[in-house]
Protein backbone atom coordinates (compact mmCIF):
# COMPACT_ATOMS: atom_id res chain seq x y z
CA MET A 1 100.72 119.76 91.73
CA GLY A 2 103.52 120.04 94.23
CA ALA A 3 103.61 118.71 97.34
CA ARG A 4 104.08 120.57 100.60
CA ARG A 5 106.17 119.03 103.04
CA LEU A 6 105.50 118.91 106.82
CA PRO A 7 107.42 117.90 109.86
CA GLY A 8 104.89 115.04 110.56
CA VAL A 9 101.83 113.27 111.00
CA ALA A 10 100.79 115.36 113.89
CA ALA A 11 101.16 118.49 112.07
CA LEU A 12 98.89 117.05 109.30
CA LEU A 13 95.92 116.13 112.16
CA THR A 14 96.52 120.12 112.87
CA ALA A 15 95.95 121.38 109.51
CA GLY A 16 92.20 121.19 108.70
CA ALA A 17 92.37 118.71 105.74
CA VAL A 18 91.40 115.63 105.06
CA VAL A 19 93.70 112.83 106.29
CA LEU A 20 94.27 110.58 103.35
CA THR A 21 95.61 106.68 103.41
CA GLY A 22 95.99 106.07 99.55
CA CYS A 23 96.16 107.66 95.77
CA GLY A 24 92.92 107.55 94.62
CA ALA A 25 88.87 107.30 95.67
CA GLN A 26 86.77 104.52 94.93
CA ALA A 27 84.25 105.26 92.04
CA GLY A 28 81.49 106.43 93.42
CA THR A 29 83.20 107.86 96.79
CA SER A 30 84.26 111.18 97.97
CA ALA A 31 88.05 111.81 99.04
CA ALA A 32 86.78 111.95 102.60
CA THR A 33 84.97 108.24 102.98
CA ALA A 34 87.50 106.47 100.58
CA GLY A 35 89.93 105.25 103.46
CA ILE A 36 92.84 106.32 101.66
CA THR A 37 96.45 106.28 102.01
CA GLY A 38 98.62 108.04 99.19
CA ALA A 39 98.57 109.08 95.60
CA PRO A 40 99.66 109.04 92.25
CA ASN A 41 103.18 109.09 91.77
CA THR A 42 105.16 112.16 90.73
CA ALA A 43 109.03 112.18 90.84
CA GLY A 44 110.92 111.84 87.89
CA THR A 45 113.01 109.00 86.68
CA GLY A 46 116.07 110.90 88.20
CA GLY A 47 113.80 110.84 91.56
CA ALA A 48 112.95 114.48 91.82
CA ALA A 49 109.30 115.13 93.31
CA GLY A 50 106.90 117.05 90.51
CA ALA A 51 103.71 117.13 88.85
CA GLU A 52 102.39 113.83 87.18
CA ALA A 53 101.92 114.64 83.84
CA GLY A 54 98.16 114.02 82.15
CA PRO A 55 97.18 111.62 79.92
CA ALA A 56 99.43 109.70 76.94
CA LYS A 57 99.12 106.89 75.30
CA ALA A 58 101.07 103.98 77.03
CA PRO A 59 103.32 101.39 74.85
CA VAL A 60 101.80 98.25 74.23
CA THR A 61 103.99 95.51 75.42
CA ALA A 62 104.09 91.82 74.73
CA LEU A 63 103.24 89.42 77.40
CA VAL A 64 106.07 88.03 79.53
CA THR A 65 107.31 84.25 78.88
CA ALA A 66 108.26 81.93 81.67
CA PRO A 67 111.49 82.07 83.47
CA VAL A 68 114.08 79.99 81.61
CA THR A 69 116.94 78.24 82.91
CA ALA A 70 118.91 76.92 79.75
CA PRO A 71 122.59 77.77 79.39
CA VAL A 72 123.53 81.08 78.04
CA THR A 73 126.54 83.46 76.75
CA ALA A 74 125.95 86.97 77.16
CA PRO A 75 127.60 89.18 74.75
CA ARG A 76 129.74 90.86 77.83
CA LYS A 77 129.84 94.44 75.71
CA THR A 78 129.42 97.29 78.06
CA LEU A 79 126.24 99.31 77.19
CA LYS A 80 124.89 102.44 78.51
CA LEU A 81 121.50 104.39 78.20
CA GLY A 82 121.04 105.03 74.40
CA ALA A 83 123.12 102.20 73.19
CA LYS A 84 121.80 100.42 70.22
CA GLY A 85 122.39 97.20 68.39
CA THR A 86 122.13 93.49 68.78
CA SER A 87 123.83 93.22 72.36
CA VAL A 88 121.03 95.40 73.18
CA THR A 89 118.54 93.14 71.50
CA TRP A 90 119.96 89.88 73.30
CA LEU A 91 119.60 91.80 76.50
CA GLN A 92 115.75 92.69 76.19
CA ARG A 93 114.88 89.15 74.79
CA ARG A 94 116.95 87.48 77.50
CA LEU A 95 115.14 90.00 80.17
CA ALA A 96 111.68 89.37 78.43
CA ALA A 97 112.52 85.37 79.11
CA LEU A 98 113.16 86.01 82.73
CA GLY A 99 110.02 87.28 83.44
CA TYR A 100 110.58 90.87 83.16
CA LEU A 101 109.32 93.44 80.92
CA PRO A 102 111.73 95.71 78.70
CA GLY A 103 109.75 96.71 76.02
CA LYS A 104 110.05 95.57 72.22
CA ALA A 105 113.09 93.99 71.51
CA ASP A 106 114.38 96.66 69.12
CA GLY A 107 117.94 97.11 70.07
CA ARG A 108 117.51 100.37 71.47
CA TYR A 109 118.11 100.94 74.90
CA GLY A 110 115.63 102.96 76.13
CA GLY A 111 113.57 104.00 79.47
CA THR A 112 111.27 100.86 79.33
CA THR A 113 114.38 98.76 79.17
CA LEU A 114 116.35 100.68 81.81
CA ALA A 115 113.08 99.75 84.21
CA ALA A 116 113.56 95.89 83.66
CA VAL A 117 117.25 96.48 83.82
CA TRP A 118 116.75 97.80 87.34
CA ALA A 119 114.40 95.43 88.45
CA PHE A 120 116.56 92.76 87.38
CA GLN A 121 120.08 94.49 88.78
CA LYS A 122 117.75 94.62 92.38
CA VAL A 123 116.58 90.85 92.07
CA ASN A 124 120.30 89.77 91.54
CA GLY A 125 121.71 91.93 94.44
CA ILE A 126 123.41 94.13 92.04
CA ALA A 127 122.78 98.27 92.84
CA PRO A 128 120.89 99.57 90.09
CA THR A 129 122.43 101.40 87.84
CA SER A 130 122.21 102.06 83.72
CA THR A 131 125.19 100.52 82.70
CA ILE A 132 125.19 96.94 81.51
CA ALA A 133 128.63 95.49 82.69
CA ARG A 134 130.20 92.59 83.80
CA ARG A 135 127.96 92.22 87.13
CA THR A 136 125.33 92.30 84.89
CA TRP A 137 126.35 90.22 82.16
CA GLU A 138 126.91 87.34 84.91
CA ALA A 139 123.81 87.93 86.54
CA LEU A 140 121.92 87.40 82.91
CA GLU A 141 123.74 84.31 82.13
CA GLN A 142 123.12 82.89 85.77
CA PRO A 143 120.14 84.46 87.29
CA LYS A 144 118.47 84.57 90.56
CA THR A 145 115.08 83.99 91.31
CA PRO A 146 112.91 86.66 93.51
CA LYS A 147 113.06 86.11 97.24
CA VAL A 148 109.36 84.39 98.04
CA LEU A 149 107.99 87.25 100.72
CA VAL A 150 104.78 84.59 101.53
CA GLY A 151 106.23 80.70 101.71
CA ASN A 152 102.46 79.47 101.95
CA GLY A 153 100.89 82.09 99.93
CA LYS A 154 98.26 81.22 97.25
CA PRO A 155 99.63 79.87 93.66
CA THR A 156 98.24 83.03 91.85
CA ARG A 157 99.08 86.21 94.02
CA ALA A 158 101.28 89.27 93.87
CA GLU A 159 104.01 90.10 96.29
CA VAL A 160 105.13 93.69 96.62
CA ASN A 161 108.84 93.72 98.19
CA LEU A 162 109.26 97.65 99.51
CA THR A 163 112.90 96.93 100.48
CA LYS A 164 113.76 96.39 97.00
CA GLN A 165 111.01 98.08 95.41
CA ILE A 166 110.14 95.42 93.00
CA MET A 167 106.62 93.97 92.50
CA VAL A 168 106.26 89.89 91.40
CA LEU A 169 103.14 88.16 90.05
CA TYR A 170 102.84 84.70 90.55
CA VAL A 171 100.24 82.95 88.48
CA ASP A 172 99.70 78.77 89.10
CA GLY A 173 102.79 78.86 91.31
CA GLN A 174 105.08 80.37 88.43
CA VAL A 175 106.82 83.89 88.35
CA ARG A 176 105.20 85.53 85.42
CA LEU A 177 106.13 89.19 85.60
CA ILE A 178 108.82 91.01 87.73
CA THR A 179 108.56 94.67 87.59
CA HIS A 180 110.65 98.02 88.98
CA ILE A 181 108.27 99.97 91.29
CA SER A 182 107.93 103.07 93.27
CA SER A 183 105.81 102.64 96.31
CA GLY A 184 104.90 105.82 98.80
CA SER A 185 107.62 108.02 100.04
CA GLY A 186 107.11 108.30 103.69
CA VAL A 187 107.19 112.00 103.76
CA PRO A 188 103.89 113.72 104.79
CA TYR A 189 102.12 116.30 102.48
CA CYS A 190 99.45 118.78 102.07
CA GLU A 191 98.15 119.57 98.59
CA THR A 192 95.35 121.74 97.85
CA THR A 193 93.10 120.58 94.81
CA THR A 194 89.70 120.95 93.09
CA TRP A 195 87.49 117.73 93.85
CA GLN A 196 83.95 117.20 93.26
CA GLY A 197 83.55 120.65 92.13
CA LYS A 198 85.26 122.43 95.26
CA GLU A 199 88.60 123.45 96.38
CA GLN A 200 89.80 120.75 98.96
CA ARG A 201 92.85 120.57 100.96
CA PHE A 202 94.02 116.84 101.26
CA CYS A 203 96.77 115.54 103.57
CA GLY A 204 98.83 112.30 104.14
CA SER A 205 101.64 110.48 105.49
CA ALA A 206 102.60 109.10 101.67
CA ARG A 207 103.05 105.34 103.08
CA THR A 208 102.18 102.19 101.61
CA PRO A 209 101.03 100.09 104.63
CA THR A 210 102.19 96.59 104.42
CA GLY A 211 100.01 93.44 105.14
CA ASP A 212 97.88 91.11 103.42
CA PHE A 213 95.33 92.42 101.08
CA ARG A 214 93.29 91.83 97.90
CA THR A 215 92.75 93.09 94.57
CA THR A 216 89.01 95.01 94.23
CA TRP A 217 87.97 97.36 91.56
CA ARG A 218 90.10 98.92 88.91
CA ALA A 219 89.64 101.50 85.81
CA SER A 220 90.43 101.28 82.31
CA GLY A 221 92.82 104.05 81.22
CA TRP A 222 93.93 107.25 82.59
CA HIS A 223 91.62 107.46 86.01
CA LYS A 224 91.63 110.99 87.73
CA SER A 225 91.95 110.93 91.64
CA TYR A 226 91.97 114.04 93.91
CA LEU A 227 95.73 113.73 93.63
CA GLY A 228 96.23 113.55 90.17
CA GLN A 229 96.07 111.11 87.09
CA LEU A 230 96.67 107.14 87.83
CA TYR A 231 96.72 104.56 84.76
CA ASN A 232 95.23 101.63 84.89
CA PRO A 233 94.69 101.73 88.42
CA ILE A 234 94.22 98.11 90.22
CA PHE A 235 93.28 98.82 93.60
CA PHE A 236 93.69 96.40 96.59
CA ASN A 237 94.04 98.43 99.90
CA GLY A 238 91.42 101.11 99.57
CA GLY A 239 92.41 104.18 97.99
CA ILE A 240 95.99 102.22 97.09
CA ALA A 241 96.78 100.66 93.78
CA PHE A 242 99.00 99.12 91.36
CA HIS A 243 99.40 102.00 88.72
CA GLY A 244 101.39 103.03 85.65
CA ALA A 245 102.77 106.54 85.79
CA LEU A 246 104.86 108.17 83.50
CA SER A 247 108.21 108.57 85.59
CA VAL A 248 108.74 105.90 88.35
CA PRO A 249 111.96 106.64 89.92
CA LEU A 250 114.63 104.57 91.97
CA SER A 251 113.61 105.47 95.13
CA PRO A 252 109.99 105.40 96.64
CA ALA A 253 108.16 108.87 95.76
CA SER A 254 104.39 108.17 95.41
CA HIS A 255 101.75 109.25 97.87
CA GLY A 256 100.81 105.57 98.77
CA CYS A 257 100.18 103.45 95.80
CA VAL A 258 102.40 101.36 94.34
CA ARG A 259 103.78 102.86 91.07
CA MET A 260 105.12 101.09 87.94
CA PRO A 261 106.51 101.47 84.29
CA MET A 262 103.40 102.21 81.58
CA ASN A 263 104.32 99.10 79.90
CA VAL A 264 103.65 96.97 82.87
CA ALA A 265 100.65 98.68 83.62
CA GLU A 266 99.29 98.04 80.18
CA VAL A 267 99.53 94.14 80.42
CA LEU A 268 99.03 93.64 84.06
CA PRO A 269 95.00 94.02 84.10
CA GLY A 270 95.03 90.68 81.98
CA LEU A 271 97.32 88.93 84.08
CA LEU A 272 95.68 89.94 87.42
CA GLY A 273 92.28 89.52 88.36
CA LYS A 274 89.90 90.42 91.10
CA GLY A 275 90.12 89.35 94.54
CA VAL A 276 93.86 88.07 94.11
CA PRO A 277 95.97 88.17 97.06
CA VAL A 278 98.57 91.06 97.44
CA HIS A 279 101.12 90.75 100.25
CA VAL A 280 103.31 93.71 100.81
CA ARG A 281 106.29 93.19 102.80
CA GLY A 282 109.33 95.21 103.66
CA ALA A 283 110.62 98.69 103.99
CA PHE A 284 112.98 100.84 101.94
CA ARG A 285 116.22 102.59 103.67
CA ARG A 286 117.16 105.52 102.07
CA ALA A 287 121.22 105.66 101.62
């Protein structure tokens, strides 16, 4: 389901379509009444927009541990995507100990570990790359903590940093999880799809609004919205949700939701309850 790009919001308002501000309708509501802004995310890991794939089994990942500060010595072996061995295992275990979710510590450097590497690099001021070299190893030895966006926030809260494209979950005042995300692309769209038994046209600005919200309803497994499939969505602003996606590129690419890796979406519902504050700040600036 490809998105047709329009010049701007004004064009959307004259298109004779439902104007949206989210990626999914709440249970029992229609898209026209859900008050939504975005949609399930659809770009590939390389960043090209495309149709979101259908249901697939998500990988199960153990819950993260609290960040650690004990002195460590990194292997310092340059790693590229697809690498295997003990250096990769060390990398995976270190990322997990710091609150990231690199997947199983199996010594294989694949896409799940890459998403955790990206999140770590962004927190530490390193341009995201798949290559693990000197700067990343040094940062793993002396890591930075994520910038706090809301200094007086509740001890348990989620902070979405649109500038860095990361989400940080705090539980009881401690960093519990840090993940790479892909938020709304900001590119106006119009799409035609069959929804509630009839063909409808939906348009929107593909924005993830900043502000202070709270988690509301959620769905388990794949949830069908009028613009695609969302995995384990947790809604926090009308039709805008955290949800798993089969592709989570470095640049914002969703219709408004906060896309995250599938293994993160697998465990997030067990960590993020209903009514938890969600703070969205910043703005992504494309190079």
